[in-house]
Amino acid sequence: FKEVGGKIAPQVSEVDDVRWFPLDEIVTKLAYPDEKKLISRSKDLLS
């Protein structure tokens, strides 16, 4: 991913932290099965 402009403005009640991770590493950081599935499908599409 590449930042292309704008400003990160989290909704304080929903976001504790914002970080960038390589696709291979992100799955180990996610908590919910649907998030892991989304990243897995995204990785397949980008390959």
Protein backbone atom coordinates (compact mmCIF):
# COMPACT_ATOMS: atom_id res chain seq x y z
CA PHE A 1 0.00 0.00 0.00
CA LYS A 2 1.09 3.53 -0.60
CA GLU A 3 -0.12 6.66 1.09
CA VAL A 4 -1.24 9.06 -1.63
CA GLY A 5 -2.41 12.04 0.35
CA GLY A 6 -4.95 13.18 2.82
CA LYS A 7 -4.97 12.92 6.55
CA ILE A 8 -5.69 9.93 8.79
CA ALA A 9 -8.51 10.91 11.12
CA PRO A 10 -9.67 7.96 13.25
CA GLN A 11 -13.01 7.75 14.95
CA VAL A 12 -11.68 7.83 18.49
CA SER A 13 -14.34 5.45 19.82
CA GLU A 14 -13.42 2.75 17.27
CA VAL A 15 -9.68 3.06 16.63
CA ASP A 16 -6.87 2.64 19.17
CA ASP A 17 -3.92 2.59 16.77
CA VAL A 18 -3.06 2.80 13.06
CA ARG A 19 -0.16 0.84 11.55
CA TRP A 20 1.05 -0.44 8.18
CA PHE A 21 1.96 -4.14 7.86
CA PRO A 22 3.16 -6.38 5.02
CA LEU A 23 0.34 -8.63 3.77
CA ASP A 24 2.18 -11.73 4.98
CA GLU A 25 2.32 -10.37 8.53
CA ILE A 26 -1.09 -8.72 8.90
CA VAL A 27 -3.07 -11.96 9.32
CA THR A 28 -1.25 -12.63 12.60
CA LYS A 29 -2.34 -9.21 13.92
CA LEU A 30 -6.06 -9.41 13.14
CA ALA A 31 -8.64 -10.55 15.69
CA TYR A 32 -11.75 -11.35 13.66
CA PRO A 33 -12.17 -14.21 11.14
CA ASP A 34 -13.87 -11.94 8.58
CA GLU A 35 -10.90 -9.55 8.66
CA LYS A 36 -8.50 -12.45 8.06
CA LYS A 37 -10.65 -13.70 5.17
CA LEU A 38 -10.71 -10.22 3.61
CA ILE A 39 -6.92 -9.90 3.76
CA SER A 40 -6.46 -13.40 2.37
CA ARG A 41 -8.75 -12.64 -0.57
CA SER A 42 -7.04 -9.29 -1.15
CA LYS A 43 -3.65 -10.98 -1.20
CA ASP A 44 -4.92 -13.47 -3.81
CA LEU A 45 -6.24 -10.64 -5.99
CA LEU A 46 -2.96 -8.73 -5.79
CA SER A 47 -0.83 -11.76 -6.73
